[in-house]
Amino acid sequence: MGAEEESQEANRISGPNPNPNANPMTQGQFLSWKRQKDADASARKAEAERKRAEDIAAGVVQMNGRELFAHEPWVFDNTLY
């Protein structure tokens, strides 16, 4: 009895899922989820950009080349040489 239960348990765990779509999702539900996910991602990205801009303005972090060129283009003026 113990060996039989173990083999059934092993088959249940490692065997294929009898119903891979246990909770089917409609196209409307998927699109709603996708819009929410994209909105959350863009909100996180905007917040990170805002925080980086504040940190740069405060001098807490170092600017990369693109940011330096955007904020202080005179540094890249080669007409002085």
Protein backbone atom coordinates (compact mmCIF):
# COMPACT_ATOMS: atom_id res chain seq x y z
CA MET A 1 0.00 0.00 0.00
CA GLY A 2 2.81 2.43 0.79
CA ALA A 3 4.70 1.78 -2.45
CA GLU A 4 1.52 2.15 -4.50
CA GLU A 5 0.73 5.51 -2.90
CA GLU A 6 4.27 6.71 -3.54
CA SER A 7 4.12 5.77 -7.22
CA GLN A 8 0.74 7.47 -7.60
CA GLU A 9 2.11 10.57 -5.88
CA ALA A 10 5.17 10.55 -8.15
CA ASN A 11 2.96 10.21 -11.25
CA ARG A 12 0.73 13.01 -10.04
CA ILE A 13 3.68 15.35 -9.45
CA SER A 14 5.80 14.52 -12.50
CA GLY A 15 3.04 13.52 -14.91
CA PRO A 16 1.44 15.85 -17.42
CA ASN A 17 -1.18 18.24 -16.15
CA PRO A 18 -4.58 16.73 -17.02
CA ASN A 19 -6.11 20.18 -17.55
CA PRO A 20 -3.49 22.80 -18.45
CA ASN A 21 -6.21 25.47 -18.86
CA ALA A 22 -7.90 25.05 -15.51
CA ASN A 23 -8.86 28.73 -15.49
CA PRO A 24 -9.45 29.80 -19.08
CA MET A 25 -8.95 33.47 -19.76
CA THR A 26 -11.04 35.44 -22.21
CA GLN A 27 -9.47 37.89 -24.62
CA GLY A 28 -11.09 40.78 -22.74
CA GLN A 29 -9.60 39.62 -19.46
CA PHE A 30 -6.18 39.25 -21.04
CA LEU A 31 -6.30 42.71 -22.62
CA SER A 32 -7.40 44.24 -19.32
CA TRP A 33 -4.52 42.50 -17.51
CA LYS A 34 -2.05 43.55 -20.21
CA ARG A 35 -3.14 47.21 -20.05
CA GLN A 36 -2.81 47.17 -16.26
CA LYS A 37 0.63 45.55 -16.47
CA ASP A 38 1.83 48.07 -19.07
CA ALA A 39 0.47 50.97 -17.02
CA ASP A 40 2.27 49.72 -13.91
CA ALA A 41 5.52 49.28 -15.84
CA SER A 42 5.35 52.75 -17.37
CA ALA A 43 4.53 54.28 -13.96
CA ARG A 44 7.56 52.55 -12.41
CA LYS A 45 9.77 53.72 -15.28
CA ALA A 46 8.52 57.32 -15.01
CA GLU A 47 9.13 57.29 -11.25
CA ALA A 48 12.67 55.99 -11.75
CA GLU A 49 13.38 58.67 -14.37
CA ARG A 50 12.00 61.39 -12.09
CA LYS A 51 14.09 60.16 -9.16
CA ARG A 52 17.23 60.01 -11.33
CA ALA A 53 16.64 63.56 -12.56
CA GLU A 54 16.25 64.76 -8.97
CA ASP A 55 19.42 62.94 -7.92
CA ILE A 56 21.37 64.44 -10.82
CA ALA A 57 20.11 67.92 -9.97
CA ALA A 58 21.15 67.41 -6.35
CA GLY A 59 24.55 66.06 -7.40
CA VAL A 60 24.00 62.72 -5.69
CA VAL A 61 24.71 60.57 -8.75
CA GLN A 62 27.05 60.98 -11.67
CA MET A 63 25.64 61.74 -15.12
CA ASN A 64 26.29 59.43 -18.02
CA GLY A 65 27.47 60.79 -21.37
CA ARG A 66 24.00 61.21 -22.86
CA GLU A 67 22.71 63.06 -19.81
CA LEU A 68 25.77 65.28 -19.73
CA PHE A 69 25.36 66.13 -23.42
CA ALA A 70 21.67 66.94 -22.87
CA HIS A 71 22.25 69.13 -19.79
CA GLU A 72 25.64 70.71 -20.55
CA PRO A 73 26.32 70.66 -24.29
CA TRP A 74 29.08 73.28 -23.97
CA VAL A 75 31.34 70.54 -22.56
CA PHE A 76 31.37 68.91 -26.00
CA ASP A 77 32.04 72.12 -27.98
CA ASN A 78 35.20 71.45 -29.99
CA THR A 79 35.32 74.91 -31.62
CA LEU A 80 37.54 76.15 -28.81
CA TYR A 81 40.41 73.89 -29.89
